[in-house]
Amino acid sequence: QVEEELKAGCARQAGQLQEMGRRERLLRAELRRAGQQLESFKIQVIQICSPSAAGTTGKSMTEKQVIEKVRQLSDENQKSHEREKCLQEKLSSRLAKEKEVSANIEVFKNSLQELQ
């Protein structure tokens, strides 16, 4: 009976080891894909940041330079969005004033016609 229990325990452990091996292979494959995607993304970023510096492997710029360039582009993008928001607010304000002036002109016209 002890021998049977040991065999069953060994069989369970063997199954668990196989499952762990399968999971490890899946994780390694996912890790490879993620690494390939990261490298592809890095090359794309380098090509966008500095088309003349980007060769086929994108080794012309260091990762630190790429990160700094991405930060710079991000800052510029944020400033651009802030400026756009500010301009939208100014435009809305001017449109509201224009609407108010148009309404006042209409009232003035009506008053003028009544006086005539």
N, C-alpha and C. Protein backbone atom coordinates (compact mmCIF):
# COMPACT_ATOMS: atom_id res chain seq x y z
N GLN A 1 0.83 -1.20 0.00
CA GLN A 1 0.00 0.00 0.00
C GLN A 1 0.89 1.27 0.00
N VAL A 2 1.95 1.26 0.80
CA VAL A 2 2.89 2.39 0.85
C VAL A 2 3.51 2.59 -0.53
N GLU A 3 3.84 1.44 -1.16
CA GLU A 3 4.44 1.52 -2.49
C GLU A 3 3.47 2.15 -3.49
N GLU A 4 2.21 1.79 -3.39
CA GLU A 4 1.18 2.36 -4.28
C GLU A 4 1.06 3.87 -4.05
N GLU A 5 1.07 4.26 -2.79
CA GLU A 5 0.97 5.69 -2.48
C GLU A 5 2.19 6.44 -3.00
N LEU A 6 3.36 5.83 -2.88
CA LEU A 6 4.58 6.47 -3.41
C LEU A 6 4.51 6.61 -4.92
N LYS A 7 4.02 5.55 -5.59
CA LYS A 7 3.88 5.60 -7.05
C LYS A 7 2.90 6.68 -7.45
N ALA A 8 1.77 6.78 -6.72
CA ALA A 8 0.76 7.80 -7.02
C ALA A 8 1.35 9.19 -6.78
N GLY A 9 2.09 9.36 -5.69
CA GLY A 9 2.74 10.64 -5.40
C GLY A 9 3.74 11.01 -6.47
N CYS A 10 4.52 10.03 -6.90
CA CYS A 10 5.50 10.27 -7.96
C CYS A 10 4.80 10.65 -9.27
N ALA A 11 3.70 9.97 -9.56
CA ALA A 11 2.95 10.26 -10.78
C ALA A 11 2.40 11.69 -10.73
N ARG A 12 1.89 12.08 -9.54
CA ARG A 12 1.37 13.46 -9.40
C ARG A 12 2.50 14.47 -9.59
N GLN A 13 3.63 14.18 -8.96
CA GLN A 13 4.76 15.10 -9.08
C GLN A 13 5.27 15.17 -10.51
N ALA A 14 5.28 14.04 -11.19
CA ALA A 14 5.71 14.02 -12.60
C ALA A 14 4.76 14.87 -13.44
N GLY A 15 3.47 14.75 -13.16
CA GLY A 15 2.48 15.57 -13.88
C GLY A 15 2.67 17.05 -13.59
N GLN A 16 2.94 17.36 -12.33
CA GLN A 16 3.17 18.75 -11.95
C GLN A 16 4.43 19.29 -12.62
N LEU A 17 5.48 18.46 -12.67
CA LEU A 17 6.72 18.88 -13.32
C LEU A 17 6.50 19.13 -14.82
N GLN A 18 5.71 18.24 -15.45
CA GLN A 18 5.42 18.43 -16.87
C GLN A 18 4.65 19.74 -17.08
N GLU A 19 3.67 20.00 -16.20
CA GLU A 19 2.89 21.23 -16.31
C GLU A 19 3.79 22.45 -16.09
N MET A 20 4.68 22.37 -15.12
CA MET A 20 5.61 23.47 -14.87
C MET A 20 6.53 23.68 -16.07
N GLY A 21 6.97 22.60 -16.68
CA GLY A 21 7.81 22.70 -17.88
C GLY A 21 7.06 23.34 -19.03
N ARG A 22 5.79 22.94 -19.19
CA ARG A 22 4.97 23.53 -20.25
C ARG A 22 4.79 25.02 -20.01
N ARG A 23 4.50 25.41 -18.76
CA ARG A 23 4.34 26.83 -18.43
C ARG A 23 5.63 27.61 -18.65
N GLU A 24 6.75 26.99 -18.29
CA GLU A 24 8.05 27.65 -18.49
C GLU A 24 8.29 27.89 -19.98
N ARG A 25 7.99 26.89 -20.82
CA ARG A 25 8.17 27.07 -22.27
C ARG A 25 7.28 28.19 -22.80
N LEU A 26 6.04 28.24 -22.32
CA LEU A 26 5.13 29.30 -22.75
C LEU A 26 5.64 30.67 -22.32
N LEU A 27 6.11 30.76 -21.08
CA LEU A 27 6.65 32.03 -20.58
C LEU A 27 7.88 32.46 -21.37
N ARG A 28 8.75 31.49 -21.68
CA ARG A 28 9.95 31.83 -22.46
C ARG A 28 9.56 32.32 -23.86
N ALA A 29 8.56 31.68 -24.46
CA ALA A 29 8.10 32.11 -25.79
C ALA A 29 7.50 33.52 -25.71
N GLU A 30 6.72 33.77 -24.67
CA GLU A 30 6.14 35.10 -24.49
C GLU A 30 7.23 36.14 -24.26
N LEU A 31 8.24 35.77 -23.50
CA LEU A 31 9.36 36.67 -23.23
C LEU A 31 10.10 37.00 -24.51
N ARG A 32 10.31 36.00 -25.36
CA ARG A 32 10.98 36.24 -26.65
C ARG A 32 10.16 37.20 -27.51
N ARG A 33 8.83 36.93 -27.57
CA ARG A 33 7.95 37.81 -28.37
C ARG A 33 7.98 39.24 -27.82
N ALA A 34 7.93 39.37 -26.49
CA ALA A 34 7.97 40.71 -25.89
C ALA A 34 9.28 41.40 -26.20
N GLY A 35 10.37 40.67 -26.16
CA GLY A 35 11.68 41.23 -26.51
C GLY A 35 11.73 41.68 -27.95
N GLN A 36 11.16 40.88 -28.85
CA GLN A 36 11.11 41.26 -30.26
C GLN A 36 10.25 42.50 -30.48
N GLN A 37 9.12 42.55 -29.78
CA GLN A 37 8.25 43.71 -29.90
C GLN A 37 8.94 44.96 -29.36
N LEU A 38 9.65 44.81 -28.25
CA LEU A 38 10.38 45.94 -27.67
C LEU A 38 11.45 46.43 -28.63
N GLU A 39 12.19 45.52 -29.22
CA GLU A 39 13.24 45.90 -30.17
C GLU A 39 12.63 46.60 -31.39
N SER A 40 11.51 46.07 -31.88
CA SER A 40 10.82 46.68 -33.01
C SER A 40 10.34 48.09 -32.64
N PHE A 41 9.77 48.22 -31.44
CA PHE A 41 9.31 49.52 -30.98
C PHE A 41 10.48 50.49 -30.86
N LYS A 42 11.59 50.00 -30.31
CA LYS A 42 12.78 50.84 -30.16
C LYS A 42 13.24 51.35 -31.51
N ILE A 43 13.29 50.48 -32.50
CA ILE A 43 13.72 50.88 -33.84
C ILE A 43 12.76 51.91 -34.42
N GLN A 44 11.46 51.69 -34.22
CA GLN A 44 10.47 52.66 -34.72
C GLN A 44 10.66 54.02 -34.05
N VAL A 45 10.88 54.01 -32.74
CA VAL A 45 11.08 55.27 -32.01
C VAL A 45 12.33 55.96 -32.52
N ILE A 46 13.39 55.22 -32.72
CA ILE A 46 14.64 55.80 -33.21
C ILE A 46 14.42 56.39 -34.60
N GLN A 47 13.70 55.68 -35.46
CA GLN A 47 13.45 56.18 -36.81
C GLN A 47 12.63 57.46 -36.77
N ILE A 48 11.68 57.53 -35.84
CA ILE A 48 10.87 58.74 -35.72
C ILE A 48 11.69 59.88 -35.14
N CYS A 49 12.48 59.57 -34.11
CA CYS A 49 13.28 60.60 -33.44
C CYS A 49 14.40 61.13 -34.32
N SER A 50 15.04 60.25 -35.01
CA SER A 50 16.20 60.64 -35.81
C SER A 50 16.32 59.72 -37.01
N PRO A 51 15.56 59.98 -38.06
CA PRO A 51 15.57 59.10 -39.23
C PRO A 51 16.96 58.86 -39.81
N SER A 52 17.81 59.88 -39.79
CA SER A 52 19.15 59.71 -40.38
C SER A 52 20.04 58.83 -39.50
N ALA A 53 19.74 58.77 -38.18
CA ALA A 53 20.57 57.99 -37.27
C ALA A 53 20.15 56.53 -37.20
N ALA A 54 18.97 56.23 -37.70
CA ALA A 54 18.44 54.88 -37.55
C ALA A 54 18.85 54.01 -38.72
N GLY A 55 19.70 53.05 -38.43
CA GLY A 55 20.08 52.08 -39.45
C GLY A 55 19.12 50.91 -39.38
N THR A 56 19.52 49.78 -39.93
CA THR A 56 18.63 48.62 -39.88
C THR A 56 18.47 48.09 -38.47
N THR A 57 19.49 48.21 -37.64
CA THR A 57 19.38 47.70 -36.28
C THR A 57 19.08 48.80 -35.28
N GLY A 58 19.21 50.05 -35.67
CA GLY A 58 18.92 51.15 -34.78
C GLY A 58 19.94 51.31 -33.67
N LYS A 59 21.19 50.90 -33.93
CA LYS A 59 22.22 50.97 -32.89
C LYS A 59 22.93 52.32 -32.86
N SER A 60 22.54 53.25 -33.77
CA SER A 60 23.23 54.52 -33.83
C SER A 60 23.01 55.36 -32.58
N MET A 61 21.84 55.27 -31.98
CA MET A 61 21.53 56.03 -30.78
C MET A 61 21.55 55.08 -29.58
N THR A 62 22.00 55.58 -28.46
CA THR A 62 21.97 54.75 -27.26
C THR A 62 20.55 54.75 -26.70
N GLU A 63 20.27 53.78 -25.85
CA GLU A 63 18.95 53.72 -25.24
C GLU A 63 18.68 54.98 -24.42
N LYS A 64 19.71 55.49 -23.77
CA LYS A 64 19.56 56.71 -22.97
C LYS A 64 19.15 57.88 -23.87
N GLN A 65 19.77 57.96 -25.04
CA GLN A 65 19.42 59.03 -25.99
C GLN A 65 17.98 58.87 -26.48
N VAL A 66 17.58 57.63 -26.73
CA VAL A 66 16.22 57.37 -27.19
C VAL A 66 15.23 57.79 -26.10
N ILE A 67 15.52 57.40 -24.86
CA ILE A 67 14.63 57.74 -23.75
C ILE A 67 14.54 59.26 -23.60
N GLU A 68 15.66 59.94 -23.70
CA GLU A 68 15.67 61.40 -23.58
C GLU A 68 14.87 62.03 -24.72
N LYS A 69 15.03 61.50 -25.92
CA LYS A 69 14.29 62.04 -27.07
C LYS A 69 12.79 61.80 -26.90
N VAL A 70 12.42 60.63 -26.40
CA VAL A 70 11.00 60.34 -26.15
C VAL A 70 10.45 61.30 -25.09
N ARG A 71 11.22 61.53 -24.04
CA ARG A 71 10.80 62.50 -23.00
C ARG A 71 10.61 63.89 -23.62
N GLN A 72 11.57 64.28 -24.44
CA GLN A 72 11.49 65.59 -25.09
C GLN A 72 10.24 65.68 -25.95
N LEU A 73 9.99 64.66 -26.75
CA LEU A 73 8.80 64.65 -27.60
C LEU A 73 7.52 64.67 -26.76
N SER A 74 7.55 63.94 -25.66
CA SER A 74 6.39 63.91 -24.77
C SER A 74 6.13 65.29 -24.17
N ASP A 75 7.21 65.94 -23.73
CA ASP A 75 7.07 67.30 -23.19
C ASP A 75 6.51 68.26 -24.25
N GLU A 76 7.05 68.17 -25.45
CA GLU A 76 6.57 69.03 -26.53
C GLU A 76 5.10 68.75 -26.83
N ASN A 77 4.74 67.49 -26.80
CA ASN A 77 3.35 67.11 -27.04
C ASN A 77 2.44 67.68 -25.96
N GLN A 78 2.88 67.59 -24.71
CA GLN A 78 2.09 68.12 -23.60
C GLN A 78 1.93 69.63 -23.73
N LYS A 79 3.02 70.32 -24.05
CA LYS A 79 2.95 71.77 -24.22
C LYS A 79 2.01 72.13 -25.37
N SER A 80 2.08 71.34 -26.42
CA SER A 80 1.20 71.58 -27.56
C SER A 80 -0.27 71.41 -27.16
N HIS A 81 -0.55 70.38 -26.37
CA HIS A 81 -1.93 70.17 -25.90
C HIS A 81 -2.39 71.31 -25.00
N GLU A 82 -1.49 71.78 -24.13
CA GLU A 82 -1.83 72.90 -23.26
C GLU A 82 -2.10 74.16 -24.07
N ARG A 83 -1.27 74.40 -25.08
CA ARG A 83 -1.48 75.57 -25.95
C ARG A 83 -2.80 75.44 -26.70
N GLU A 84 -3.08 74.25 -27.20
CA GLU A 84 -4.34 74.02 -27.91
C GLU A 84 -5.53 74.30 -26.99
N LYS A 85 -5.43 73.83 -25.75
CA LYS A 85 -6.51 74.05 -24.77
C LYS A 85 -6.69 75.54 -24.51
N CYS A 86 -5.58 76.24 -24.34
CA CYS A 86 -5.62 77.69 -24.11
C CYS A 86 -6.27 78.39 -25.30
N LEU A 87 -5.88 78.02 -26.51
CA LEU A 87 -6.45 78.63 -27.71
C LEU A 87 -7.94 78.31 -27.83
N GLN A 88 -8.33 77.08 -27.46
CA GLN A 88 -9.74 76.72 -27.48
C GLN A 88 -10.54 77.59 -26.51
N GLU A 89 -9.96 77.82 -25.33
CA GLU A 89 -10.62 78.67 -24.34
C GLU A 89 -10.77 80.10 -24.86
N LYS A 90 -9.70 80.63 -25.47
CA LYS A 90 -9.76 81.98 -26.04
C LYS A 90 -10.81 82.05 -27.14
N LEU A 91 -10.83 81.03 -27.98
CA LEU A 91 -11.80 80.99 -29.07
C LEU A 91 -13.22 80.96 -28.53
N SER A 92 -13.44 80.12 -27.52
CA SER A 92 -14.77 80.04 -26.91
C SER A 92 -15.18 81.38 -26.32
N SER A 93 -14.22 82.04 -25.66
CA SER A 93 -14.48 83.35 -25.06
C SER A 93 -14.84 84.36 -26.14
N ARG A 94 -14.07 84.37 -27.21
CA ARG A 94 -14.34 85.33 -28.31
C ARG A 94 -15.68 85.03 -28.98
N LEU A 95 -15.98 83.76 -29.15
CA LEU A 95 -17.27 83.41 -29.76
C LEU A 95 -18.42 83.85 -28.86
N ALA A 96 -18.26 83.69 -27.55
CA ALA A 96 -19.29 84.13 -26.61
C ALA A 96 -19.46 85.64 -26.68
N LYS A 97 -18.33 86.38 -26.74
CA LYS A 97 -18.40 87.84 -26.86
C LYS A 97 -19.07 88.25 -28.17
N GLU A 98 -18.70 87.55 -29.24
CA GLU A 98 -19.28 87.85 -30.55
C GLU A 98 -20.79 87.62 -30.53
N LYS A 99 -21.19 86.55 -29.90
CA LYS A 99 -22.61 86.23 -29.78
C LYS A 99 -23.33 87.34 -28.99
N GLU A 100 -22.68 87.79 -27.92
CA GLU A 100 -23.26 88.85 -27.09
C GLU A 100 -23.37 90.15 -27.88
N VAL A 101 -22.32 90.47 -28.64
CA VAL A 101 -22.34 91.68 -29.46
C VAL A 101 -23.43 91.58 -30.52
N SER A 102 -23.55 90.41 -31.13
CA SER A 102 -24.59 90.21 -32.15
C SER A 102 -25.98 90.40 -31.54
N ALA A 103 -26.17 89.88 -30.35
CA ALA A 103 -27.46 90.04 -29.67
C ALA A 103 -27.71 91.51 -29.36
N ASN A 104 -26.68 92.22 -28.90
CA ASN A 104 -26.82 93.65 -28.62
C ASN A 104 -27.14 94.44 -29.88
N ILE A 105 -26.49 94.08 -30.99
CA ILE A 105 -26.76 94.76 -32.26
C ILE A 105 -28.21 94.53 -32.67
N GLU A 106 -28.69 93.32 -32.49
CA GLU A 106 -30.07 92.99 -32.84
C GLU A 106 -31.05 93.81 -32.00
N VAL A 107 -30.76 93.93 -30.71
CA VAL A 107 -31.60 94.75 -29.82
C VAL A 107 -31.55 96.21 -30.27
N PHE A 108 -30.34 96.69 -30.60
CA PHE A 108 -30.20 98.07 -31.06
C PHE A 108 -30.98 98.31 -32.34
N LYS A 109 -30.91 97.36 -33.30
CA LYS A 109 -31.65 97.47 -34.56
C LYS A 109 -33.15 97.57 -34.29
N ASN A 110 -33.62 96.68 -33.43
CA ASN A 110 -35.05 96.67 -33.11
C ASN A 110 -35.47 97.98 -32.46
N SER A 111 -34.65 98.48 -31.54
CA SER A 111 -34.94 99.77 -30.89
C SER A 111 -34.94 100.89 -31.91
N LEU A 112 -34.00 100.87 -32.82
CA LEU A 112 -33.89 101.90 -33.86
C LEU A 112 -35.13 101.87 -34.75
N GLN A 113 -35.56 100.68 -35.12
CA GLN A 113 -36.75 100.56 -35.98
C GLN A 113 -38.00 101.06 -35.24
N GLU A 114 -38.08 100.79 -33.96
CA GLU A 114 -39.23 101.28 -33.19
C GLU A 114 -39.23 102.79 -33.11
N LEU A 115 -38.04 103.39 -33.02
CA LEU A 115 -37.95 104.83 -32.94
C LEU A 115 -38.31 105.49 -34.27
N GLN A 116 -38.05 104.83 -35.36
CA GLN A 116 -38.35 105.39 -36.68
C GLN A 116 -39.83 105.27 -36.92
